[in-house]
Amino acid sequence: MKRLIVLVLAIAMAAFYVGTLTVRAEGQPHMRSALEHLQAAKAELQAAEHDKGGHREAALKATEEAIHHVHEGIEYGNKHRH
């Protein structure tokens, strides 16, 4: 039950955050889609049981880094539109 609550909260926070970026990422549907998929992957990794020999944690860290880079790419794209 505790895991379910954590998963629901993570998904709700991700949906809220992605929702705030939708307007700014309008001209960038692929970046927005990538961000949504990465947020979903992050929620799944957080909900996964056990650490899998450190690989779950490494995947979570890499996913968070990818999310950061997608945000940066969206911001860059918004500032440098052609």
N, C-alpha and C. Protein backbone atom coordinates (compact mmCIF):
# COMPACT_ATOMS: atom_id res chain seq x y z
N MET A 1 0.82 -1.19 0.00
CA MET A 1 0.00 0.00 0.00
C MET A 1 0.88 1.26 0.00
N LYS A 2 1.95 1.22 0.79
CA LYS A 2 2.85 2.37 0.85
C LYS A 2 3.48 2.63 -0.52
N ARG A 3 3.88 1.55 -1.21
CA ARG A 3 4.46 1.68 -2.55
C ARG A 3 3.47 2.29 -3.52
N LEU A 4 2.20 1.89 -3.40
CA LEU A 4 1.16 2.42 -4.28
C LEU A 4 0.99 3.92 -4.06
N ILE A 5 1.01 4.35 -2.81
CA ILE A 5 0.88 5.77 -2.50
C ILE A 5 2.06 6.54 -3.08
N VAL A 6 3.26 6.02 -2.91
CA VAL A 6 4.46 6.67 -3.45
C VAL A 6 4.38 6.75 -4.97
N LEU A 7 3.94 5.67 -5.61
CA LEU A 7 3.82 5.67 -7.07
C LEU A 7 2.79 6.68 -7.54
N VAL A 8 1.64 6.73 -6.88
CA VAL A 8 0.60 7.69 -7.27
C VAL A 8 1.10 9.12 -7.09
N LEU A 9 1.79 9.40 -5.99
CA LEU A 9 2.33 10.74 -5.77
C LEU A 9 3.38 11.10 -6.82
N ALA A 10 4.24 10.14 -7.16
CA ALA A 10 5.28 10.39 -8.17
C ALA A 10 4.64 10.68 -9.52
N ILE A 11 3.64 9.91 -9.88
CA ILE A 11 2.97 10.14 -11.16
C ILE A 11 2.25 11.48 -11.16
N ALA A 12 1.60 11.82 -10.06
CA ALA A 12 0.90 13.11 -9.97
C ALA A 12 1.88 14.27 -10.09
N MET A 13 3.01 14.18 -9.40
CA MET A 13 4.01 15.25 -9.49
C MET A 13 4.58 15.34 -10.90
N ALA A 14 4.85 14.21 -11.52
CA ALA A 14 5.37 14.21 -12.88
C ALA A 14 4.36 14.81 -13.85
N ALA A 15 3.09 14.46 -13.69
CA ALA A 15 2.05 15.00 -14.57
C ALA A 15 1.94 16.51 -14.40
N PHE A 16 2.00 16.97 -13.16
CA PHE A 16 1.94 18.41 -12.91
C PHE A 16 3.13 19.12 -13.55
N TYR A 17 4.32 18.56 -13.36
CA TYR A 17 5.52 19.19 -13.90
C TYR A 17 5.51 19.20 -15.42
N VAL A 18 5.13 18.08 -16.02
CA VAL A 18 5.05 18.00 -17.48
C VAL A 18 4.00 18.98 -17.98
N GLY A 19 2.90 19.10 -17.25
CA GLY A 19 1.85 20.03 -17.63
C GLY A 19 2.33 21.47 -17.65
N THR A 20 3.24 21.83 -16.77
CA THR A 20 3.74 23.20 -16.76
C THR A 20 4.66 23.47 -17.94
N LEU A 21 5.23 22.42 -18.53
CA LEU A 21 6.13 22.59 -19.67
C LEU A 21 5.41 22.53 -21.01
N THR A 22 4.17 22.08 -21.01
CA THR A 22 3.45 21.86 -22.27
C THR A 22 3.40 23.12 -23.12
N VAL A 23 3.09 24.24 -22.52
CA VAL A 23 2.98 25.49 -23.28
C VAL A 23 4.34 25.88 -23.85
N ARG A 24 5.36 25.79 -23.06
CA ARG A 24 6.68 26.19 -23.53
C ARG A 24 7.26 25.23 -24.55
N ALA A 25 6.81 23.99 -24.57
CA ALA A 25 7.37 22.99 -25.46
C ALA A 25 6.47 22.74 -26.67
N GLU A 26 5.50 23.62 -26.90
CA GLU A 26 4.52 23.40 -27.97
C GLU A 26 5.15 23.11 -29.32
N GLY A 27 6.15 23.86 -29.72
CA GLY A 27 6.77 23.65 -31.01
C GLY A 27 7.74 22.48 -31.02
N GLN A 28 7.80 21.74 -29.95
CA GLN A 28 8.78 20.66 -29.79
C GLN A 28 8.08 19.37 -29.36
N PRO A 29 7.21 18.82 -30.21
CA PRO A 29 6.43 17.65 -29.79
C PRO A 29 7.28 16.43 -29.46
N HIS A 30 8.40 16.26 -30.12
CA HIS A 30 9.25 15.09 -29.85
C HIS A 30 9.95 15.23 -28.50
N MET A 31 10.38 16.44 -28.18
CA MET A 31 11.02 16.67 -26.88
C MET A 31 9.99 16.49 -25.76
N ARG A 32 8.78 16.99 -25.97
CA ARG A 32 7.72 16.86 -24.96
C ARG A 32 7.40 15.37 -24.76
N SER A 33 7.30 14.64 -25.86
CA SER A 33 7.01 13.21 -25.77
C SER A 33 8.13 12.47 -25.04
N ALA A 34 9.37 12.80 -25.37
CA ALA A 34 10.51 12.18 -24.69
C ALA A 34 10.46 12.46 -23.20
N LEU A 35 10.13 13.70 -22.84
CA LEU A 35 10.05 14.07 -21.43
C LEU A 35 8.97 13.26 -20.72
N GLU A 36 7.83 13.11 -21.35
CA GLU A 36 6.74 12.33 -20.74
C GLU A 36 7.16 10.87 -20.55
N HIS A 37 7.83 10.30 -21.52
CA HIS A 37 8.28 8.92 -21.41
C HIS A 37 9.34 8.76 -20.33
N LEU A 38 10.24 9.72 -20.24
CA LEU A 38 11.28 9.66 -19.21
C LEU A 38 10.67 9.79 -17.81
N GLN A 39 9.68 10.67 -17.67
CA GLN A 39 9.01 10.82 -16.37
C GLN A 39 8.31 9.52 -15.97
N ALA A 40 7.68 8.87 -16.95
CA ALA A 40 7.01 7.59 -16.67
C ALA A 40 8.05 6.52 -16.29
N ALA A 41 9.17 6.51 -16.99
CA ALA A 41 10.23 5.55 -16.68
C ALA A 41 10.77 5.78 -15.28
N LYS A 42 10.94 7.04 -14.91
CA LYS A 42 11.43 7.38 -13.58
C LYS A 42 10.46 6.86 -12.51
N ALA A 43 9.16 7.06 -12.73
CA ALA A 43 8.17 6.58 -11.77
C ALA A 43 8.22 5.05 -11.65
N GLU A 44 8.38 4.37 -12.76
CA GLU A 44 8.46 2.91 -12.72
C GLU A 44 9.71 2.44 -11.99
N LEU A 45 10.83 3.09 -12.25
CA LEU A 45 12.07 2.71 -11.56
C LEU A 45 11.95 2.96 -10.06
N GLN A 46 11.31 4.05 -9.68
CA GLN A 46 11.14 4.34 -8.26
C GLN A 46 10.24 3.30 -7.58
N ALA A 47 9.28 2.77 -8.33
CA ALA A 47 8.35 1.79 -7.78
C ALA A 47 8.90 0.37 -7.79
N ALA A 48 9.95 0.14 -8.54
CA ALA A 48 10.51 -1.22 -8.65
C ALA A 48 11.03 -1.70 -7.30
N GLU A 49 10.89 -3.00 -7.07
CA GLU A 49 11.37 -3.59 -5.83
C GLU A 49 12.86 -3.89 -5.91
N HIS A 50 13.50 -3.78 -4.81
CA HIS A 50 14.93 -4.11 -4.68
C HIS A 50 15.79 -3.22 -5.58
N ASP A 51 17.08 -3.30 -5.37
CA ASP A 51 18.00 -2.43 -6.11
C ASP A 51 18.60 -3.12 -7.32
N LYS A 52 18.42 -4.41 -7.47
CA LYS A 52 18.93 -5.15 -8.63
C LYS A 52 20.44 -5.01 -8.78
N GLY A 53 21.14 -5.16 -7.68
CA GLY A 53 22.60 -5.09 -7.73
C GLY A 53 23.14 -3.71 -8.05
N GLY A 54 22.37 -2.69 -7.74
CA GLY A 54 22.79 -1.31 -8.01
C GLY A 54 22.34 -0.79 -9.36
N HIS A 55 21.81 -1.65 -10.20
CA HIS A 55 21.43 -1.25 -11.55
C HIS A 55 20.16 -0.39 -11.57
N ARG A 56 19.22 -0.67 -10.67
CA ARG A 56 18.01 0.15 -10.61
C ARG A 56 18.37 1.58 -10.25
N GLU A 57 19.22 1.73 -9.26
CA GLU A 57 19.64 3.07 -8.82
C GLU A 57 20.41 3.78 -9.93
N ALA A 58 21.28 3.06 -10.63
CA ALA A 58 22.04 3.66 -11.74
C ALA A 58 21.10 4.09 -12.87
N ALA A 59 20.11 3.26 -13.15
CA ALA A 59 19.14 3.60 -14.20
C ALA A 59 18.32 4.81 -13.79
N LEU A 60 17.95 4.90 -12.51
CA LEU A 60 17.20 6.04 -12.01
C LEU A 60 18.03 7.32 -12.14
N LYS A 61 19.29 7.25 -11.78
CA LYS A 61 20.18 8.40 -11.89
C LYS A 61 20.34 8.84 -13.34
N ALA A 62 20.52 7.88 -14.25
CA ALA A 62 20.66 8.19 -15.68
C ALA A 62 19.37 8.80 -16.24
N THR A 63 18.24 8.29 -15.78
CA THR A 63 16.95 8.82 -16.23
C THR A 63 16.77 10.26 -15.75
N GLU A 64 17.13 10.52 -14.50
CA GLU A 64 17.03 11.89 -13.99
C GLU A 64 17.95 12.83 -14.76
N GLU A 65 19.13 12.36 -15.13
CA GLU A 65 20.04 13.17 -15.92
C GLU A 65 19.45 13.43 -17.32
N ALA A 66 18.85 12.41 -17.91
CA ALA A 66 18.22 12.58 -19.22
C ALA A 66 17.07 13.58 -19.15
N ILE A 67 16.29 13.52 -18.08
CA ILE A 67 15.19 14.48 -17.89
C ILE A 67 15.75 15.89 -17.84
N HIS A 68 16.83 16.06 -17.11
CA HIS A 68 17.47 17.37 -17.01
C HIS A 68 17.89 17.87 -18.40
N HIS A 69 18.51 17.00 -19.19
CA HIS A 69 18.99 17.40 -20.51
C HIS A 69 17.82 17.73 -21.44
N VAL A 70 16.72 17.00 -21.33
CA VAL A 70 15.56 17.31 -22.16
C VAL A 70 15.00 18.68 -21.78
N HIS A 71 14.93 18.98 -20.49
CA HIS A 71 14.49 20.31 -20.05
C HIS A 71 15.40 21.40 -20.64
N GLU A 72 16.70 21.16 -20.54
CA GLU A 72 17.65 22.13 -21.08
C GLU A 72 17.47 22.29 -22.58
N GLY A 73 17.24 21.19 -23.28
CA GLY A 73 17.03 21.25 -24.72
C GLY A 73 15.77 22.02 -25.08
N ILE A 74 14.71 21.82 -24.32
CA ILE A 74 13.46 22.56 -24.55
C ILE A 74 13.69 24.05 -24.34
N GLU A 75 14.35 24.40 -23.26
CA GLU A 75 14.63 25.82 -22.99
C GLU A 75 15.49 26.41 -24.10
N TYR A 76 16.51 25.69 -24.51
CA TYR A 76 17.38 26.17 -25.59
C TYR A 76 16.56 26.37 -26.86
N GLY A 77 15.75 25.39 -27.19
CA GLY A 77 14.91 25.47 -28.38
C GLY A 77 13.96 26.65 -28.34
N ASN A 78 13.42 26.94 -27.15
CA ASN A 78 12.50 28.08 -27.02
C ASN A 78 13.22 29.40 -27.22
N LYS A 79 14.48 29.47 -26.83
CA LYS A 79 15.23 30.72 -26.94
C LYS A 79 15.84 30.91 -28.32
N HIS A 80 16.06 29.83 -29.06
CA HIS A 80 16.76 29.90 -30.35
C HIS A 80 15.92 29.38 -31.50
N ARG A 81 14.66 29.71 -31.50
CA ARG A 81 13.80 29.27 -32.61
C ARG A 81 14.18 29.96 -33.90
N HIS A 82 14.07 29.20 -34.99
CA HIS A 82 14.41 29.77 -36.31
C HIS A 82 13.15 30.01 -37.10
